[in-house]
Amino acid sequence: MARFITVGARPPVAEEQDTDRRIARRRVEAKRKFRSDVVAYVIVNAFLVVAWAISGRGYFWPGWVLAGWGVFLLIDAYRVYMSAPITEADIDKEMRTRR
């Protein structure tokens, strides 16, 4: 019985592991980016609140920046930490509903 070896071909398990690794890497990168975004949010908004306090404490204008930027951070937090990555099972399920 002869065995044929295809040069350069990768077994399906290796490709699946590469895909899983790519997905995991993207999630780690997204989490790191989110953490740096939170640090920037805190530093910039702390500066704005200090500027507001020094300038006479009138109308709390930093609240607009805090609220606006905060909404986008919440959306990003949901995307990074709450949403699950798309799996092959999700794709198969969608394919079955389209038939």
N, C-alpha and C. Protein backbone atom coordinates (compact mmCIF):
# COMPACT_ATOMS: atom_id res chain seq x y z
N MET A 1 0.84 -1.17 0.00
CA MET A 1 0.00 0.00 0.00
C MET A 1 0.90 1.24 0.00
N ALA A 2 0.73 2.06 -0.98
CA ALA A 2 1.57 3.25 -1.12
C ALA A 2 0.96 4.42 -0.37
N ARG A 3 1.83 5.23 0.18
CA ARG A 3 1.39 6.46 0.86
C ARG A 3 1.86 7.64 0.04
N PHE A 4 0.98 8.59 -0.13
CA PHE A 4 1.34 9.78 -0.88
C PHE A 4 1.48 10.94 0.10
N ILE A 5 2.57 11.64 0.00
CA ILE A 5 2.81 12.79 0.86
C ILE A 5 2.81 14.03 -0.01
N THR A 6 1.97 14.96 0.34
CA THR A 6 1.92 16.21 -0.40
C THR A 6 2.86 17.19 0.28
N VAL A 7 3.82 17.67 -0.47
CA VAL A 7 4.80 18.60 0.09
C VAL A 7 4.12 19.96 0.32
N GLY A 8 4.31 20.49 1.50
CA GLY A 8 3.76 21.81 1.80
C GLY A 8 2.34 21.79 2.33
N ALA A 9 1.70 20.64 2.26
CA ALA A 9 0.32 20.58 2.77
C ALA A 9 0.35 20.49 4.28
N ARG A 10 -0.61 21.14 4.91
CA ARG A 10 -0.69 21.13 6.36
C ARG A 10 -1.90 20.33 6.78
N PRO A 11 -1.76 19.57 7.81
CA PRO A 11 -2.91 18.81 8.29
C PRO A 11 -3.99 19.76 8.81
N PRO A 12 -5.26 19.36 8.71
CA PRO A 12 -6.36 20.22 9.16
C PRO A 12 -6.25 20.62 10.62
N VAL A 13 -5.70 19.76 11.46
CA VAL A 13 -5.57 20.09 12.88
C VAL A 13 -4.63 21.27 13.07
N ALA A 14 -3.53 21.28 12.33
CA ALA A 14 -2.58 22.39 12.43
C ALA A 14 -3.21 23.70 11.98
N GLU A 15 -3.99 23.63 10.90
CA GLU A 15 -4.66 24.85 10.43
C GLU A 15 -5.67 25.35 11.45
N GLU A 16 -6.38 24.42 12.09
CA GLU A 16 -7.35 24.81 13.12
C GLU A 16 -6.63 25.44 14.31
N GLN A 17 -5.48 24.89 14.68
CA GLN A 17 -4.71 25.46 15.78
C GLN A 17 -4.21 26.85 15.42
N ASP A 18 -3.78 27.05 14.17
CA ASP A 18 -3.34 28.36 13.72
C ASP A 18 -4.49 29.36 13.80
N THR A 19 -5.68 28.93 13.39
CA THR A 19 -6.85 29.81 13.45
C THR A 19 -7.16 30.17 14.89
N ASP A 20 -7.16 29.18 15.77
CA ASP A 20 -7.40 29.45 17.19
C ASP A 20 -6.36 30.40 17.74
N ARG A 21 -5.12 30.19 17.36
CA ARG A 21 -4.04 31.05 17.84
C ARG A 21 -4.21 32.49 17.34
N ARG A 22 -4.61 32.64 16.08
CA ARG A 22 -4.84 33.97 15.52
C ARG A 22 -5.97 34.67 16.27
N ILE A 23 -7.05 33.95 16.53
CA ILE A 23 -8.19 34.52 17.26
C ILE A 23 -7.76 34.93 18.66
N ALA A 24 -7.03 34.05 19.34
CA ALA A 24 -6.56 34.35 20.69
C ALA A 24 -5.64 35.57 20.69
N ARG A 25 -4.77 35.65 19.70
CA ARG A 25 -3.86 36.81 19.62
C ARG A 25 -4.63 38.10 19.42
N ARG A 26 -5.64 38.08 18.55
CA ARG A 26 -6.45 39.28 18.32
C ARG A 26 -7.16 39.71 19.60
N ARG A 27 -7.67 38.74 20.37
CA ARG A 27 -8.35 39.07 21.62
C ARG A 27 -7.39 39.66 22.65
N VAL A 28 -6.19 39.10 22.73
CA VAL A 28 -5.18 39.65 23.65
C VAL A 28 -4.81 41.07 23.24
N GLU A 29 -4.61 41.29 21.94
CA GLU A 29 -4.30 42.63 21.45
C GLU A 29 -5.43 43.61 21.75
N ALA A 30 -6.67 43.18 21.56
CA ALA A 30 -7.82 44.04 21.83
C ALA A 30 -7.91 44.40 23.32
N LYS A 31 -7.63 43.43 24.19
CA LYS A 31 -7.66 43.69 25.63
C LYS A 31 -6.57 44.66 26.03
N ARG A 32 -5.40 44.50 25.47
CA ARG A 32 -4.31 45.44 25.79
C ARG A 32 -4.63 46.84 25.30
N LYS A 33 -5.17 46.93 24.10
CA LYS A 33 -5.54 48.24 23.56
C LYS A 33 -6.61 48.88 24.44
N PHE A 34 -7.58 48.09 24.88
CA PHE A 34 -8.64 48.63 25.73
C PHE A 34 -8.06 49.17 27.04
N ARG A 35 -7.14 48.41 27.63
CA ARG A 35 -6.53 48.88 28.88
C ARG A 35 -5.78 50.19 28.67
N SER A 36 -5.06 50.33 27.58
CA SER A 36 -4.36 51.58 27.31
C SER A 36 -5.34 52.71 27.04
N ASP A 37 -6.48 52.40 26.40
CA ASP A 37 -7.51 53.42 26.19
C ASP A 37 -8.10 53.91 27.51
N VAL A 38 -8.28 52.99 28.47
CA VAL A 38 -8.81 53.37 29.79
C VAL A 38 -7.81 54.26 30.51
N VAL A 39 -6.53 53.93 30.42
CA VAL A 39 -5.50 54.76 31.05
C VAL A 39 -5.52 56.16 30.45
N ALA A 40 -5.60 56.25 29.13
CA ALA A 40 -5.66 57.56 28.46
C ALA A 40 -6.90 58.32 28.90
N TYR A 41 -8.03 57.63 29.00
CA TYR A 41 -9.29 58.25 29.44
C TYR A 41 -9.13 58.87 30.83
N VAL A 42 -8.55 58.11 31.75
CA VAL A 42 -8.39 58.59 33.13
C VAL A 42 -7.44 59.78 33.17
N ILE A 43 -6.30 59.70 32.49
CA ILE A 43 -5.31 60.77 32.53
C ILE A 43 -5.84 62.05 31.90
N VAL A 44 -6.40 61.95 30.70
CA VAL A 44 -6.90 63.13 30.00
C VAL A 44 -8.05 63.77 30.78
N ASN A 45 -8.98 62.95 31.26
CA ASN A 45 -10.12 63.52 31.97
C ASN A 45 -9.74 64.06 33.34
N ALA A 46 -8.75 63.47 33.99
CA ALA A 46 -8.25 64.04 35.24
C ALA A 46 -7.66 65.42 34.98
N PHE A 47 -6.91 65.55 33.90
CA PHE A 47 -6.35 66.86 33.52
C PHE A 47 -7.47 67.86 33.26
N LEU A 48 -8.51 67.45 32.56
CA LEU A 48 -9.61 68.37 32.26
C LEU A 48 -10.35 68.79 33.54
N VAL A 49 -10.54 67.88 34.45
CA VAL A 49 -11.22 68.21 35.71
C VAL A 49 -10.36 69.16 36.53
N VAL A 50 -9.05 68.94 36.54
CA VAL A 50 -8.15 69.86 37.25
C VAL A 50 -8.19 71.23 36.58
N ALA A 51 -8.18 71.27 35.25
CA ALA A 51 -8.27 72.56 34.54
C ALA A 51 -9.59 73.26 34.87
N TRP A 52 -10.67 72.52 34.93
CA TRP A 52 -11.97 73.09 35.30
C TRP A 52 -11.92 73.65 36.73
N ALA A 53 -11.32 72.89 37.65
CA ALA A 53 -11.26 73.32 39.05
C ALA A 53 -10.41 74.58 39.20
N ILE A 54 -9.31 74.65 38.48
CA ILE A 54 -8.44 75.82 38.56
C ILE A 54 -9.09 77.05 37.93
N SER A 55 -9.89 76.83 36.90
CA SER A 55 -10.47 77.95 36.16
C SER A 55 -11.72 78.54 36.81
N GLY A 56 -12.08 78.11 37.98
CA GLY A 56 -13.18 78.77 38.68
C GLY A 56 -14.36 77.90 39.02
N ARG A 57 -14.37 76.68 38.66
CA ARG A 57 -15.43 75.74 39.02
C ARG A 57 -16.84 76.22 38.65
N GLY A 58 -16.97 76.72 37.48
CA GLY A 58 -18.30 77.10 37.01
C GLY A 58 -19.05 75.88 36.48
N TYR A 59 -19.61 76.05 35.31
CA TYR A 59 -20.32 74.95 34.65
C TYR A 59 -19.35 73.78 34.45
N PHE A 60 -19.76 72.58 34.78
CA PHE A 60 -18.87 71.41 34.70
C PHE A 60 -18.79 70.91 33.25
N TRP A 61 -18.03 71.60 32.45
CA TRP A 61 -17.88 71.25 31.04
C TRP A 61 -17.11 69.95 30.80
N PRO A 62 -16.20 69.51 31.70
CA PRO A 62 -15.54 68.22 31.44
C PRO A 62 -16.53 67.04 31.41
N GLY A 63 -17.71 67.24 31.96
CA GLY A 63 -18.71 66.18 31.95
C GLY A 63 -19.07 65.74 30.54
N TRP A 64 -19.04 66.66 29.58
CA TRP A 64 -19.34 66.31 28.19
C TRP A 64 -18.30 65.34 27.64
N VAL A 65 -17.04 65.63 27.95
CA VAL A 65 -15.97 64.75 27.47
C VAL A 65 -16.03 63.41 28.21
N LEU A 66 -16.22 63.47 29.53
CA LEU A 66 -16.34 62.24 30.32
C LEU A 66 -17.45 61.34 29.79
N ALA A 67 -18.61 61.93 29.53
CA ALA A 67 -19.76 61.15 29.09
C ALA A 67 -19.57 60.61 27.67
N GLY A 68 -19.16 61.49 26.76
CA GLY A 68 -19.01 61.07 25.36
C GLY A 68 -17.96 59.99 25.18
N TRP A 69 -16.79 60.23 25.74
CA TRP A 69 -15.71 59.26 25.63
C TRP A 69 -16.07 57.99 26.41
N GLY A 70 -16.74 58.16 27.53
CA GLY A 70 -17.15 57.01 28.34
C GLY A 70 -18.08 56.07 27.61
N VAL A 71 -19.00 56.63 26.82
CA VAL A 71 -19.92 55.80 26.04
C VAL A 71 -19.13 54.93 25.06
N PHE A 72 -18.15 55.53 24.39
CA PHE A 72 -17.35 54.75 23.45
C PHE A 72 -16.50 53.70 24.16
N LEU A 73 -16.02 54.02 25.36
CA LEU A 73 -15.28 53.02 26.13
C LEU A 73 -16.17 51.85 26.53
N LEU A 74 -17.41 52.15 26.91
CA LEU A 74 -18.34 51.08 27.27
C LEU A 74 -18.64 50.18 26.07
N ILE A 75 -18.82 50.77 24.91
CA ILE A 75 -19.06 49.98 23.70
C ILE A 75 -17.85 49.10 23.41
N ASP A 76 -16.66 49.68 23.54
CA ASP A 76 -15.44 48.91 23.31
C ASP A 76 -15.27 47.81 24.35
N ALA A 77 -15.61 48.10 25.61
CA ALA A 77 -15.52 47.09 26.67
C ALA A 77 -16.46 45.92 26.37
N TYR A 78 -17.65 46.22 25.91
CA TYR A 78 -18.59 45.16 25.55
C TYR A 78 -18.01 44.30 24.43
N ARG A 79 -17.47 44.96 23.41
CA ARG A 79 -16.91 44.24 22.27
C ARG A 79 -15.74 43.37 22.69
N VAL A 80 -14.89 43.87 23.57
CA VAL A 80 -13.68 43.14 23.95
C VAL A 80 -13.97 42.03 24.96
N TYR A 81 -14.79 42.32 25.97
CA TYR A 81 -14.94 41.37 27.08
C TYR A 81 -16.24 40.57 27.06
N MET A 82 -17.28 41.06 26.46
CA MET A 82 -18.57 40.39 26.55
C MET A 82 -18.94 39.60 25.30
N SER A 83 -18.58 40.08 24.14
CA SER A 83 -18.98 39.38 22.92
C SER A 83 -18.07 38.18 22.69
N ALA A 84 -18.68 37.09 22.30
CA ALA A 84 -17.93 35.86 22.04
C ALA A 84 -17.44 35.86 20.59
N PRO A 85 -16.29 35.27 20.35
CA PRO A 85 -15.81 35.19 18.96
C PRO A 85 -16.71 34.26 18.15
N ILE A 86 -16.76 34.49 16.87
CA ILE A 86 -17.56 33.67 15.97
C ILE A 86 -16.87 32.31 15.80
N THR A 87 -17.63 31.26 15.99
CA THR A 87 -17.09 29.91 15.88
C THR A 87 -17.62 29.23 14.62
N GLU A 88 -17.03 28.10 14.30
CA GLU A 88 -17.50 27.31 13.16
C GLU A 88 -18.95 26.85 13.38
N ALA A 89 -19.29 26.56 14.63
CA ALA A 89 -20.66 26.15 14.95
C ALA A 89 -21.65 27.28 14.64
N ASP A 90 -21.26 28.52 14.94
CA ASP A 90 -22.12 29.67 14.61
C ASP A 90 -22.32 29.78 13.10
N ILE A 91 -21.25 29.61 12.37
CA ILE A 91 -21.33 29.71 10.90
C ILE A 91 -22.20 28.58 10.34
N ASP A 92 -22.00 27.36 10.85
CA ASP A 92 -22.81 26.22 10.39
C ASP A 92 -24.29 26.43 10.69
N LYS A 93 -24.59 26.95 11.87
CA LYS A 93 -25.98 27.22 12.25
C LYS A 93 -26.60 28.24 11.31
N GLU A 94 -25.86 29.30 11.00
CA GLU A 94 -26.37 30.33 10.09
C GLU A 94 -26.60 29.75 8.69
N MET A 95 -25.69 28.89 8.26
CA MET A 95 -25.81 28.26 6.94
C MET A 95 -27.09 27.41 6.88
N ARG A 96 -27.39 26.69 7.96
CA ARG A 96 -28.59 25.84 7.99
C ARG A 96 -29.87 26.71 7.95
N THR A 97 -29.86 27.87 8.57
CA THR A 97 -31.06 28.71 8.56
C THR A 97 -31.29 29.36 7.21
N ARG A 98 -30.27 29.46 6.40
CA ARG A 98 -30.41 30.10 5.08
C ARG A 98 -30.94 29.14 4.03
N ARG A 99 -30.99 27.86 4.34
CA ARG A 99 -31.45 26.87 3.34
C ARG A 99 -32.92 26.74 3.31
